Amino acid sequence: METCWNSHQGSPQSILLAWNNELVSVSKLVFVFQGGFVGKDCKLEVYGKTNDKPEDHWRDGGEINLEDNNREQTFSVSLTDVKRLKIIFQKSTDFYGRVTLYKLDILGSFQNSAQ
């Protein structure tokens, strides 16, 4: 992300990332928020296929615990066969439910083509 992302007020808020029908593996997520406007109770949802379910579907990608500060926060994850990643902030540290994100890095690698 090269700029700041601001949500509307209210909860939950989410960010949906897609890789043009390519499969990716995600190993780390890096966030920098504006202190006081941090997403809390963060859930990850992954869209893609799995060995036990060959058609694309949404599945649980886990949870991460974000702190209310403006320092870089890095989380190791192990997400594979990802076509889309949804980051859901179920709450916010802001009274009105707003989230302000200055940096979001998704680290990982492309897998074989999803076609």
PDB file of N, CA and C in Angstrom:
ATOM      1  N   MET A   1       0.850  -1.154   0.000  1.00  0.00           N
ATOM      2  CA  MET A   1       0.000   0.000   0.000  1.00  0.00           C
ATOM      3  C   MET A   1       0.902   1.224   0.000  1.00  0.00           C
ATOM      4  N   GLU A   2       0.616   2.189  -0.859  1.00  0.00           N
ATOM      5  CA  GLU A   2       1.444   3.376  -0.967  1.00  0.00           C
ATOM      6  C   GLU A   2       0.785   4.605  -0.352  1.00  0.00           C
ATOM      7  N   THR A   3      -0.341   4.443   0.251  1.00  0.00           N
ATOM      8  CA  THR A   3      -1.040   5.572   0.848  1.00  0.00           C
ATOM      9  C   THR A   3      -1.777   5.093   2.087  1.00  0.00           C
ATOM     10  N   CYS A   4      -2.485   5.980   2.705  1.00  0.00           N
ATOM     11  CA  CYS A   4      -3.237   5.654   3.912  1.00  0.00           C
ATOM     12  C   CYS A   4      -4.619   5.116   3.540  1.00  0.00           C
ATOM     13  N   TRP A   5      -5.082   4.098   4.260  1.00  0.00           N
ATOM     14  CA  TRP A   5      -6.433   3.583   4.084  1.00  0.00           C
ATOM     15  C   TRP A   5      -7.243   3.937   5.315  1.00  0.00           C
ATOM     16  N   ASN A   6      -8.395   4.571   5.096  1.00  0.00           N
ATOM     17  CA  ASN A   6      -9.314   4.934   6.171  1.00  0.00           C
ATOM     18  C   ASN A   6     -10.633   4.227   5.935  1.00  0.00           C
ATOM     19  N   SER A   7     -11.149   3.618   6.982  1.00  0.00           N
ATOM     20  CA  SER A   7     -12.457   2.994   6.869  1.00  0.00           C
ATOM     21  C   SER A   7     -13.540   4.024   7.163  1.00  0.00           C
ATOM     22  N   HIS A   8     -14.759   3.651   6.886  1.00  0.00           N
ATOM     23  CA  HIS A   8     -15.909   4.414   7.358  1.00  0.00           C
ATOM     24  C   HIS A   8     -16.093   4.070   8.826  1.00  0.00           C
ATOM     25  N   GLN A   9     -17.004   4.746   9.480  1.00  0.00           N
ATOM     26  CA  GLN A   9     -17.258   4.388  10.874  1.00  0.00           C
ATOM     27  C   GLN A   9     -18.155   3.162  10.943  1.00  0.00           C
ATOM     28  N   GLY A  10     -18.093   2.479  12.083  1.00  0.00           N
ATOM     29  CA  GLY A  10     -18.900   1.279  12.294  1.00  0.00           C
ATOM     30  C   GLY A  10     -18.059   0.018  12.245  1.00  0.00           C
ATOM     31  N   SER A  11     -18.583  -1.022  12.830  1.00  0.00           N
ATOM     32  CA  SER A  11     -17.883  -2.305  12.868  1.00  0.00           C
ATOM     33  C   SER A  11     -18.804  -3.390  12.333  1.00  0.00           C
ATOM     34  N   PRO A  12     -18.272  -4.406  11.695  1.00  0.00           N
ATOM     35  CA  PRO A  12     -16.860  -4.635  11.409  1.00  0.00           C
ATOM     36  C   PRO A  12     -16.399  -3.873  10.165  1.00  0.00           C
ATOM     37  N   GLN A  13     -15.091  -3.806   9.980  1.00  0.00           N
ATOM     38  CA  GLN A  13     -14.461  -3.260   8.778  1.00  0.00           C
ATOM     39  C   GLN A  13     -13.619  -4.374   8.173  1.00  0.00           C
ATOM     40  N   SER A  14     -13.411  -4.322   6.862  1.00  0.00           N
ATOM     41  CA  SER A  14     -12.594  -5.371   6.247  1.00  0.00           C
ATOM     42  C   SER A  14     -11.846  -4.851   5.029  1.00  0.00           C
ATOM     43  N   ILE A  15     -10.791  -5.581   4.698  1.00  0.00           N
ATOM     44  CA  ILE A  15      -9.989  -5.341   3.498  1.00  0.00           C
ATOM     45  C   ILE A  15      -9.949  -6.663   2.732  1.00  0.00           C
ATOM     46  N   LEU A  16     -10.268  -6.613   1.443  1.00  0.00           N
ATOM     47  CA  LEU A  16     -10.253  -7.804   0.605  1.00  0.00           C
ATOM     48  C   LEU A  16      -9.133  -7.667  -0.420  1.00  0.00           C
ATOM     49  N   LEU A  17      -8.231  -8.642  -0.433  1.00  0.00           N
ATOM     50  CA  LEU A  17      -7.107  -8.666  -1.366  1.00  0.00           C
ATOM     51  C   LEU A  17      -7.286  -9.833  -2.323  1.00  0.00           C
ATOM     52  N   ALA A  18      -7.006  -9.617  -3.611  1.00  0.00           N
ATOM     53  CA  ALA A  18      -7.139 -10.667  -4.616  1.00  0.00           C
ATOM     54  C   ALA A  18      -5.907 -10.665  -5.511  1.00  0.00           C
ATOM     55  N   TRP A  19      -5.556 -11.849  -6.020  1.00  0.00           N
ATOM     56  CA  TRP A  19      -4.354 -11.999  -6.843  1.00  0.00           C
ATOM     57  C   TRP A  19      -4.701 -12.472  -8.248  1.00  0.00           C
ATOM     58  N   ASN A  20      -5.711 -11.890  -8.878  1.00  0.00           N
ATOM     59  CA  ASN A  20      -6.044 -12.164 -10.287  1.00  0.00           C
ATOM     60  C   ASN A  20      -6.050 -13.650 -10.626  1.00  0.00           C
ATOM     61  N   ASN A  21      -6.718 -14.424  -9.804  1.00  0.00           N
ATOM     62  CA  ASN A  21      -6.879 -15.863 -10.023  1.00  0.00           C
ATOM     63  C   ASN A  21      -5.574 -16.647  -9.912  1.00  0.00           C
ATOM     64  N   GLU A  22      -4.535 -16.043  -9.362  1.00  0.00           N
ATOM     65  CA  GLU A  22      -3.283 -16.743  -9.082  1.00  0.00           C
ATOM     66  C   GLU A  22      -3.338 -17.290  -7.667  1.00  0.00           C
ATOM     67  N   LEU A  23      -2.676 -18.395  -7.432  1.00  0.00           N
ATOM     68  CA  LEU A  23      -2.562 -18.949  -6.087  1.00  0.00           C
ATOM     69  C   LEU A  23      -1.301 -18.420  -5.427  1.00  0.00           C
ATOM     70  N   VAL A  24      -1.435 -17.989  -4.175  1.00  0.00           N
ATOM     71  CA  VAL A  24      -0.290 -17.513  -3.421  1.00  0.00           C
ATOM     72  C   VAL A  24      -0.227 -18.223  -2.079  1.00  0.00           C
ATOM     73  N   SER A  25       0.955 -18.220  -1.500  1.00  0.00           N
ATOM     74  CA  SER A  25       1.169 -18.632  -0.119  1.00  0.00           C
ATOM     75  C   SER A  25       1.551 -17.372   0.645  1.00  0.00           C
ATOM     76  N   VAL A  26       0.938 -17.158   1.784  1.00  0.00           N
ATOM     77  CA  VAL A  26       1.206 -15.978   2.597  1.00  0.00           C
ATOM     78  C   VAL A  26       1.931 -16.429   3.856  1.00  0.00           C
ATOM     79  N   SER A  27       3.093 -15.794   4.122  1.00  0.00           N
ATOM     80  CA  SER A  27       3.894 -16.177   5.285  1.00  0.00           C
ATOM     81  C   SER A  27       3.940 -15.099   6.371  1.00  0.00           C
ATOM     82  N   LYS A  28       3.743 -13.844   5.992  1.00  0.00           N
ATOM     83  CA  LYS A  28       3.766 -12.761   6.985  1.00  0.00           C
ATOM     84  C   LYS A  28       2.811 -11.655   6.587  1.00  0.00           C
ATOM     85  N   LEU A  29       2.251 -11.015   7.609  1.00  0.00           N
ATOM     86  CA  LEU A  29       1.431  -9.816   7.440  1.00  0.00           C
ATOM     87  C   LEU A  29       2.066  -8.711   8.274  1.00  0.00           C
ATOM     88  N   VAL A  30       2.216  -7.526   7.685  1.00  0.00           N
ATOM     89  CA  VAL A  30       2.834  -6.400   8.373  1.00  0.00           C
ATOM     90  C   VAL A  30       1.859  -5.224   8.341  1.00  0.00           C
ATOM     91  N   PHE A  31       1.584  -4.649   9.508  1.00  0.00           N
ATOM     92  CA  PHE A  31       0.642  -3.546   9.649  1.00  0.00           C
ATOM     93  C   PHE A  31       1.305  -2.360  10.344  1.00  0.00           C
ATOM     94  N   VAL A  32       0.923  -1.144   9.931  1.00  0.00           N
ATOM     95  CA  VAL A  32       1.184   0.070  10.706  1.00  0.00           C
ATOM     96  C   VAL A  32      -0.116   0.858  10.706  1.00  0.00           C
ATOM     97  N   PHE A  33      -0.669   1.087  11.896  1.00  0.00           N
ATOM     98  CA  PHE A  33      -1.913   1.827  12.072  1.00  0.00           C
ATOM     99  C   PHE A  33      -1.622   3.206  12.644  1.00  0.00           C
ATOM    100  N   GLN A  34      -2.615   4.060  12.593  1.00  0.00           N
ATOM    101  CA  GLN A  34      -2.581   5.274  13.390  1.00  0.00           C
ATOM    102  C   GLN A  34      -3.049   4.875  14.781  1.00  0.00           C
ATOM    103  N   GLY A  35      -2.247   5.182  15.795  1.00  0.00           N
ATOM    104  CA  GLY A  35      -2.632   4.871  17.163  1.00  0.00           C
ATOM    105  C   GLY A  35      -3.996   5.466  17.481  1.00  0.00           C
ATOM    106  N   GLY A  36      -4.836   4.714  18.159  1.00  0.00           N
ATOM    107  CA  GLY A  36      -6.191   5.162  18.465  1.00  0.00           C
ATOM    108  C   GLY A  36      -7.208   4.776  17.406  1.00  0.00           C
ATOM    109  N   PHE A  37      -6.742   4.306  16.243  1.00  0.00           N
ATOM    110  CA  PHE A  37      -7.617   3.905  15.132  1.00  0.00           C
ATOM    111  C   PHE A  37      -7.201   2.522  14.621  1.00  0.00           C
ATOM    112  N   VAL A  38      -6.987   1.607  15.558  1.00  0.00           N
ATOM    113  CA  VAL A  38      -6.468   0.279  15.234  1.00  0.00           C
ATOM    114  C   VAL A  38      -7.612  -0.730  15.174  1.00  0.00           C
ATOM    115  N   GLY A  39      -7.570  -1.599  14.172  1.00  0.00           N
ATOM    116  CA  GLY A  39      -8.533  -2.688  14.075  1.00  0.00           C
ATOM    117  C   GLY A  39      -8.243  -3.727  15.144  1.00  0.00           C
ATOM    118  N   LYS A  40      -9.267  -4.183  15.825  1.00  0.00           N
ATOM    119  CA  LYS A  40      -9.110  -5.176  16.892  1.00  0.00           C
ATOM    120  C   LYS A  40      -9.889  -6.440  16.544  1.00  0.00           C
ATOM    121  N   ASP A  41      -9.592  -7.522  17.285  1.00  0.00           N
ATOM    122  CA  ASP A  41     -10.244  -8.812  17.061  1.00  0.00           C
ATOM    123  C   ASP A  41     -10.210  -9.159  15.569  1.00  0.00           C
ATOM    124  N   CYS A  42      -9.007  -9.244  15.049  1.00  0.00           N
ATOM    125  CA  CYS A  42      -8.788  -9.401  13.611  1.00  0.00           C
ATOM    126  C   CYS A  42      -8.862 -10.876  13.200  1.00  0.00           C
ATOM    127  N   LYS A  43      -9.744 -11.158  12.250  1.00  0.00           N
ATOM    128  CA  LYS A  43      -9.896 -12.497  11.672  1.00  0.00           C
ATOM    129  C   LYS A  43      -9.388 -12.484  10.237  1.00  0.00           C
ATOM    130  N   LEU A  44      -8.833 -13.615   9.824  1.00  0.00           N
ATOM    131  CA  LEU A  44      -8.411 -13.799   8.442  1.00  0.00           C
ATOM    132  C   LEU A  44      -9.298 -14.854   7.804  1.00  0.00           C
ATOM    133  N   GLU A  45      -9.767 -14.565   6.599  1.00  0.00           N
ATOM    134  CA  GLU A  45     -10.525 -15.545   5.823  1.00  0.00           C
ATOM    135  C   GLU A  45      -9.830 -15.720   4.486  1.00  0.00           C
ATOM    136  N   VAL A  46      -9.732 -16.963   4.048  1.00  0.00           N
ATOM    137  CA  VAL A  46      -9.007 -17.318   2.833  1.00  0.00           C
ATOM    138  C   VAL A  46      -9.988 -17.916   1.833  1.00  0.00           C
ATOM    139  N   TYR A  47      -9.866 -17.498   0.558  1.00  0.00           N
ATOM    140  CA  TYR A  47     -10.676 -18.054  -0.515  1.00  0.00           C
ATOM    141  C   TYR A  47      -9.776 -18.838  -1.447  1.00  0.00           C
ATOM    142  N   GLY A  48     -10.122 -20.090  -1.685  1.00  0.00           N
ATOM    143  CA  GLY A  48      -9.365 -20.955  -2.575  1.00  0.00           C
ATOM    144  C   GLY A  48      -9.785 -22.400  -2.347  1.00  0.00           C
ATOM    145  N   LYS A  49      -9.068 -23.319  -2.965  1.00  0.00           N
ATOM    146  CA  LYS A  49      -9.374 -24.742  -2.863  1.00  0.00           C
ATOM    147  C   LYS A  49      -8.569 -25.371  -1.731  1.00  0.00           C
ATOM    148  N   THR A  50      -9.042 -26.504  -1.268  1.00  0.00           N
ATOM    149  CA  THR A  50      -8.276 -27.316  -0.320  1.00  0.00           C
ATOM    150  C   THR A  50      -8.304 -28.757  -0.797  1.00  0.00           C
ATOM    151  N   ASN A  51      -7.455 -29.601  -0.225  1.00  0.00           N
ATOM    152  CA  ASN A  51      -7.408 -31.014  -0.631  1.00  0.00           C
ATOM    153  C   ASN A  51      -8.741 -31.712  -0.409  1.00  0.00           C
ATOM    154  N   ASP A  52      -9.430 -31.381   0.682  1.00  0.00           N
ATOM    155  CA  ASP A  52     -10.689 -32.059   0.984  1.00  0.00           C
ATOM    156  C   ASP A  52     -11.895 -31.423   0.299  1.00  0.00           C
ATOM    157  N   LYS A  53     -11.727 -30.255  -0.308  1.00  0.00           N
ATOM    158  CA  LYS A  53     -12.820 -29.566  -0.991  1.00  0.00           C
ATOM    159  C   LYS A  53     -12.256 -28.909  -2.260  1.00  0.00           C
ATOM    160  N   PRO A  54     -12.369 -29.567  -3.420  1.00  0.00           N
ATOM    161  CA  PRO A  54     -11.686 -29.105  -4.624  1.00  0.00           C
ATOM    162  C   PRO A  54     -12.253 -27.842  -5.266  1.00  0.00           C
ATOM    163  N   GLU A  55     -13.462 -27.409  -4.896  1.00  0.00           N
ATOM    164  CA  GLU A  55     -13.978 -26.168  -5.469  1.00  0.00           C
ATOM    165  C   GLU A  55     -13.596 -24.997  -4.544  1.00  0.00           C
ATOM    166  N   ASP A  56     -13.481 -23.809  -5.125  1.00  0.00           N
ATOM    167  CA  ASP A  56     -13.123 -22.627  -4.338  1.00  0.00           C
ATOM    168  C   ASP A  56     -14.171 -22.373  -3.261  1.00  0.00           C
ATOM    169  N   HIS A  57     -13.692 -21.992  -2.084  1.00  0.00           N
ATOM    170  CA  HIS A  57     -14.588 -21.699  -0.962  1.00  0.00           C
ATOM    171  C   HIS A  57     -13.839 -20.840   0.064  1.00  0.00           C
ATOM    172  N   TRP A  58     -14.601 -20.183   0.934  1.00  0.00           N
ATOM    173  CA  TRP A  58     -14.013 -19.405   2.025  1.00  0.00           C
ATOM    174  C   TRP A  58     -13.717 -20.331   3.193  1.00  0.00           C
ATOM    175  N   ARG A  59     -12.570 -20.114   3.839  1.00  0.00           N
ATOM    176  CA  ARG A  59     -12.202 -20.904   5.015  1.00  0.00           C
ATOM    177  C   ARG A  59     -11.498 -20.013   6.035  1.00  0.00           C
ATOM    178  N   ASP A  60     -11.467 -20.479   7.250  1.00  0.00           N
ATOM    179  CA  ASP A  60     -10.845 -19.748   8.342  1.00  0.00           C
ATOM    180  C   ASP A  60      -9.334 -19.701   8.146  1.00  0.00           C
ATOM    181  N   GLY A  61      -8.771 -18.502   8.273  1.00  0.00           N
ATOM    182  CA  GLY A  61      -7.323 -18.333   8.153  1.00  0.00           C
ATOM    183  C   GLY A  61      -6.652 -18.005   9.474  1.00  0.00           C
ATOM    184  N   GLY A  62      -7.451 -17.980  10.547  1.00  0.00           N
ATOM    185  CA  GLY A  62      -6.889 -17.700  11.858  1.00  0.00           C
ATOM    186  C   GLY A  62      -7.207 -16.296  12.342  1.00  0.00           C
ATOM    187  N   GLU A  63      -6.615 -15.957  13.465  1.00  0.00           N
ATOM    188  CA  GLU A  63      -6.808 -14.653  14.084  1.00  0.00           C
ATOM    189  C   GLU A  63      -5.458 -14.060  14.435  1.00  0.00           C
ATOM    190  N   ILE A  64      -5.386 -12.732  14.461  1.00  0.00           N
ATOM    191  CA  ILE A  64      -4.184 -12.043  14.924  1.00  0.00           C
ATOM    192  C   ILE A  64      -4.594 -10.974  15.919  1.00  0.00           C
ATOM    193  N   ASN A  65      -3.725 -10.728  16.877  1.00  0.00           N
ATOM    194  CA  ASN A  65      -4.006  -9.758  17.931  1.00  0.00           C
ATOM    195  C   ASN A  65      -3.171  -8.505  17.723  1.00  0.00           C
ATOM    196  N   LEU A  66      -3.825  -7.455  17.286  1.00  0.00           N
ATOM    197  CA  LEU A  66      -3.163  -6.186  17.010  1.00  0.00           C
ATOM    198  C   LEU A  66      -3.145  -5.319  18.263  1.00  0.00           C
ATOM    199  N   GLU A  67      -2.076  -4.541  18.415  1.00  0.00           N
ATOM    200  CA  GLU A  67      -1.946  -3.636  19.542  1.00  0.00           C
ATOM    201  C   GLU A  67      -2.294  -2.223  19.122  1.00  0.00           C
ATOM    202  N   ASP A  68      -2.807  -1.445  20.067  1.00  0.00           N
ATOM    203  CA  ASP A  68      -3.195  -0.059  19.808  1.00  0.00           C
ATOM    204  C   ASP A  68      -1.961   0.834  19.895  1.00  0.00           C
ATOM    205  N   ASN A  69      -1.230   0.911  18.775  1.00  0.00           N
ATOM    206  CA  ASN A  69      -0.065   1.793  18.684  1.00  0.00           C
ATOM    207  C   ASN A  69       0.213   2.090  17.221  1.00  0.00           C
ATOM    208  N   ASN A  70       1.230   2.914  16.973  1.00  0.00           N
ATOM    209  CA  ASN A  70       1.571   3.259  15.585  1.00  0.00           C
ATOM    210  C   ASN A  70       2.909   2.634  15.175  1.00  0.00           C
ATOM    211  N   ARG A  71       3.333   1.584  15.865  1.00  0.00           N
ATOM    212  CA  ARG A  71       4.553   0.869  15.505  1.00  0.00           C
ATOM    213  C   ARG A  71       4.230  -0.258  14.513  1.00  0.00           C
ATOM    214  N   GLU A  72       5.240  -0.646  13.749  1.00  0.00           N
ATOM    215  CA  GLU A  72       5.070  -1.761  12.823  1.00  0.00           C
ATOM    216  C   GLU A  72       4.804  -3.043  13.603  1.00  0.00           C
ATOM    217  N   GLN A  73       3.796  -3.787  13.176  1.00  0.00           N
ATOM    218  CA  GLN A  73       3.424  -5.044  13.802  1.00  0.00           C
ATOM    219  C   GLN A  73       3.482  -6.141  12.738  1.00  0.00           C
ATOM    220  N   THR A  74       4.275  -7.178  13.007  1.00  0.00           N
ATOM    221  CA  THR A  74       4.490  -8.256  12.050  1.00  0.00           C
ATOM    222  C   THR A  74       3.967  -9.564  12.626  1.00  0.00           C
ATOM    223  N   PHE A  75       3.239 -10.310  11.801  1.00  0.00           N
ATOM    224  CA  PHE A  75       2.645 -11.576  12.223  1.00  0.00           C
ATOM    225  C   PHE A  75       3.010 -12.669  11.232  1.00  0.00           C
ATOM    226  N   SER A  76       3.549 -13.763  11.737  1.00  0.00           N
ATOM    227  CA  SER A  76       3.830 -14.936  10.905  1.00  0.00           C
ATOM    228  C   SER A  76       2.545 -15.738  10.761  1.00  0.00           C
ATOM    229  N   VAL A  77       2.239 -16.098   9.528  1.00  0.00           N
ATOM    230  CA  VAL A  77       1.069 -16.924   9.231  1.00  0.00           C
ATOM    231  C   VAL A  77       1.512 -18.015   8.262  1.00  0.00           C
ATOM    232  N   SER A  78       0.687 -19.014   8.088  1.00  0.00           N
ATOM    233  CA  SER A  78       0.976 -20.077   7.135  1.00  0.00           C
ATOM    234  C   SER A  78      -0.292 -20.344   6.339  1.00  0.00           C
ATOM    235  N   LEU A  79      -0.491 -19.549   5.296  1.00  0.00           N
ATOM    236  CA  LEU A  79      -1.693 -19.655   4.471  1.00  0.00           C
ATOM    237  C   LEU A  79      -1.278 -20.099   3.072  1.00  0.00           C
ATOM    238  N   THR A  80      -1.875 -21.183   2.591  1.00  0.00           N
ATOM    239  CA  THR A  80      -1.539 -21.692   1.263  1.00  0.00           C
ATOM    240  C   THR A  80      -2.803 -21.768   0.405  1.00  0.00           C
ATOM    241  N   ASP A  81      -2.594 -21.897  -0.891  1.00  0.00           N
ATOM    242  CA  ASP A  81      -3.688 -21.987  -1.868  1.00  0.00           C
ATOM    243  C   ASP A  81      -4.656 -20.815  -1.728  1.00  0.00           C
ATOM    244  N   VAL A  82      -4.101 -19.616  -1.663  1.00  0.00           N
ATOM    245  CA  VAL A  82      -4.886 -18.400  -1.445  1.00  0.00           C
ATOM    246  C   VAL A  82      -5.122 -17.700  -2.783  1.00  0.00           C
ATOM    247  N   LYS A  83      -6.384 -17.498  -3.133  1.00  0.00           N
ATOM    248  CA  LYS A  83      -6.751 -16.647  -4.271  1.00  0.00           C
ATOM    249  C   LYS A  83      -7.157 -15.265  -3.778  1.00  0.00           C
ATOM    250  N   ARG A  84      -7.815 -15.245  -2.621  1.00  0.00           N
ATOM    251  CA  ARG A  84      -8.244 -13.996  -1.991  1.00  0.00           C
ATOM    252  C   ARG A  84      -8.012 -14.099  -0.494  1.00  0.00           C
ATOM    253  N   LEU A  85      -7.691 -12.965   0.094  1.00  0.00           N
ATOM    254  CA  LEU A  85      -7.508 -12.892   1.539  1.00  0.00           C
ATOM    255  C   LEU A  85      -8.351 -11.739   2.068  1.00  0.00           C
ATOM    256  N   LYS A  86      -9.195 -12.041   3.027  1.00  0.00           N
ATOM    257  CA  LYS A  86     -10.035 -11.022   3.648  1.00  0.00           C
ATOM    258  C   LYS A  86      -9.552 -10.818   5.079  1.00  0.00           C
ATOM    259  N   ILE A  87      -9.202  -9.576   5.391  1.00  0.00           N
ATOM    260  CA  ILE A  87      -8.768  -9.196   6.731  1.00  0.00           C
ATOM    261  C   ILE A  87      -9.938  -8.463   7.371  1.00  0.00           C
ATOM    262  N   ILE A  88     -10.482  -9.024   8.431  1.00  0.00           N
ATOM    263  CA  ILE A  88     -11.691  -8.477   9.054  1.00  0.00           C
ATOM    264  C   ILE A  88     -11.332  -7.931  10.433  1.00  0.00           C
ATOM    265  N   PHE A  89     -11.588  -6.640  10.616  1.00  0.00           N
ATOM    266  CA  PHE A  89     -11.414  -5.997  11.910  1.00  0.00           C
ATOM    267  C   PHE A  89     -12.792  -5.956  12.568  1.00  0.00           C
ATOM    268  N   GLN A  90     -13.026  -6.834  13.514  1.00  0.00           N
ATOM    269  CA  GLN A  90     -14.351  -6.940  14.111  1.00  0.00           C
ATOM    270  C   GLN A  90     -14.683  -5.749  15.005  1.00  0.00           C
ATOM    271  N   LYS A  91     -13.652  -5.113  15.544  1.00  0.00           N
ATOM    272  CA  LYS A  91     -13.818  -3.927  16.389  1.00  0.00           C
ATOM    273  C   LYS A  91     -12.710  -2.940  16.058  1.00  0.00           C
ATOM    274  N   SER A  92     -12.793  -1.767  16.670  1.00  0.00           N
ATOM    275  CA  SER A  92     -11.761  -0.754  16.523  1.00  0.00           C
ATOM    276  C   SER A  92     -11.493  -0.127  17.881  1.00  0.00           C
ATOM    277  N   THR A  93     -10.288   0.406  18.047  1.00  0.00           N
ATOM    278  CA  THR A  93      -9.987   1.129  19.283  1.00  0.00           C
ATOM    279  C   THR A  93     -10.624   2.520  19.266  1.00  0.00           C
ATOM    280  N   ASP A  94     -11.105   2.962  18.113  1.00  0.00           N
ATOM    281  CA  ASP A  94     -11.794   4.244  17.987  1.00  0.00           C
ATOM    282  C   ASP A  94     -13.256   4.096  18.420  1.00  0.00           C
ATOM    283  N   PHE A  95     -13.757   5.068  19.139  1.00  0.00           N
ATOM    284  CA  PHE A  95     -15.138   5.049  19.638  1.00  0.00           C
ATOM    285  C   PHE A  95     -16.151   4.858  18.501  1.00  0.00           C
ATOM    286  N   TYR A  96     -15.864   5.420  17.323  1.00  0.00           N
ATOM    287  CA  TYR A  96     -16.795   5.347  16.194  1.00  0.00           C
ATOM    288  C   TYR A  96     -16.538   4.146  15.279  1.00  0.00           C
ATOM    289  N   GLY A  97     -15.565   3.321  15.615  1.00  0.00           N
ATOM    290  CA  GLY A  97     -15.303   2.120  14.817  1.00  0.00           C
ATOM    291  C   GLY A  97     -14.444   2.342  13.597  1.00  0.00           C
ATOM    292  N   ARG A  98     -13.753   3.483  13.526  1.00  0.00           N
ATOM    293  CA  ARG A  98     -12.913   3.767  12.355  1.00  0.00           C
ATOM    294  C   ARG A  98     -11.549   3.109  12.493  1.00  0.00           C
ATOM    295  N   VAL A  99     -10.956   2.760  11.344  1.00  0.00           N
ATOM    296  CA  VAL A  99      -9.622   2.165  11.275  1.00  0.00           C
ATOM    297  C   VAL A  99      -8.801   2.991  10.287  1.00  0.00           C
ATOM    298  N   THR A 100      -7.561   3.323  10.666  1.00  0.00           N
ATOM    299  CA  THR A 100      -6.641   4.034   9.777  1.00  0.00           C
ATOM    300  C   THR A 100      -5.362   3.226   9.675  1.00  0.00           C
ATOM    301  N   LEU A 101      -5.060   2.786   8.459  1.00  0.00           N
ATOM    302  CA  LEU A 101      -3.929   1.904   8.202  1.00  0.00           C
ATOM    303  C   LEU A 101      -2.947   2.617   7.276  1.00  0.00           C
ATOM    304  N   TYR A 102      -1.693   2.766   7.728  1.00  0.00           N
ATOM    305  CA  TYR A 102      -0.654   3.422   6.932  1.00  0.00           C
ATOM    306  C   TYR A 102       0.185   2.442   6.131  1.00  0.00           C
ATOM    307  N   LYS A 103       0.271   1.210   6.612  1.00  0.00           N
ATOM    308  CA  LYS A 103       1.087   0.228   5.904  1.00  0.00           C
ATOM    309  C   LYS A 103       0.443  -1.143   6.036  1.00  0.00           C
ATOM    310  N   LEU A 104       0.388  -1.853   4.911  1.00  0.00           N
ATOM    311  CA  LEU A 104      -0.042  -3.244   4.886  1.00  0.00           C
ATOM    312  C   LEU A 104       0.840  -3.973   3.888  1.00  0.00           C
ATOM    313  N   ASP A 105       1.690  -4.833   4.381  1.00  0.00           N
ATOM    314  CA  ASP A 105       2.539  -5.662   3.519  1.00  0.00           C
ATOM    315  C   ASP A 105       2.099  -7.108   3.659  1.00  0.00           C
ATOM    316  N   ILE A 106       1.956  -7.780   2.535  1.00  0.00           N
ATOM    317  CA  ILE A 106       1.633  -9.200   2.490  1.00  0.00           C
ATOM    318  C   ILE A 106       2.868  -9.883   1.922  1.00  0.00           C
ATOM    319  N   LEU A 107       3.534 -10.698   2.734  1.00  0.00           N
ATOM    320  CA  LEU A 107       4.758 -11.358   2.292  1.00  0.00           C
ATOM    321  C   LEU A 107       4.476 -12.832   2.044  1.00  0.00           C
ATOM    322  N   GLY A 108       5.033 -13.339   0.948  1.00  0.00           N
ATOM    323  CA  GLY A 108       4.831 -14.736   0.594  1.00  0.00           C
ATOM    324  C   GLY A 108       5.331 -14.988  -0.804  1.00  0.00           C
ATOM    325  N   SER A 109       4.710 -15.934  -1.497  1.00  0.00           N
ATOM    326  CA  SER A 109       5.171 -16.283  -2.847  1.00  0.00           C
ATOM    327  C   SER A 109       3.996 -16.774  -3.690  1.00  0.00           C
ATOM    328  N   PHE A 110       4.184 -16.664  -5.005  1.00  0.00           N
ATOM    329  CA  PHE A 110       3.191 -17.213  -5.928  1.00  0.00           C
ATOM    330  C   PHE A 110       3.394 -18.708  -6.028  1.00  0.00           C
ATOM    331  N   GLN A 111       2.275 -19.444  -6.121  1.00  0.00           N
ATOM    332  CA  GLN A 111       2.313 -20.877  -6.338  1.00  0.00           C
ATOM    333  C   GLN A 111       2.076 -21.120  -7.821  1.00  0.00           C
ATOM    334  N   ASN A 112       1.825 -22.356  -8.196  1.00  0.00           N
ATOM    335  CA  ASN A 112       1.486 -22.660  -9.577  1.00  0.00           C
ATOM    336  C   ASN A 112       0.207 -21.952  -9.947  1.00  0.00           C
ATOM    337  N   SER A 113      -0.021 -21.751 -11.240  1.00  0.00           N
ATOM    338  CA  SER A 113      -1.218 -21.082 -11.725  1.00  0.00           C
ATOM    339  C   SER A 113      -2.466 -21.777 -11.229  1.00  0.00           C
ATOM    340  N   ALA A 114      -3.515 -20.995 -10.912  1.00  0.00           N
ATOM    341  CA  ALA A 114      -4.770 -21.522 -10.380  1.00  0.00           C
ATOM    342  C   ALA A 114      -5.729 -21.941 -11.478  1.00  0.00           C
ATOM    343  N   GLN A 115      -5.319 -21.927 -12.709  1.00  0.00           N
ATOM    344  CA  GLN A 115      -6.247 -22.209 -13.789  1.00  0.00           C
ATOM    345  C   GLN A 115      -6.434 -23.661 -14.038  1.00  0.00           C
TER     346      GLN A 115
END
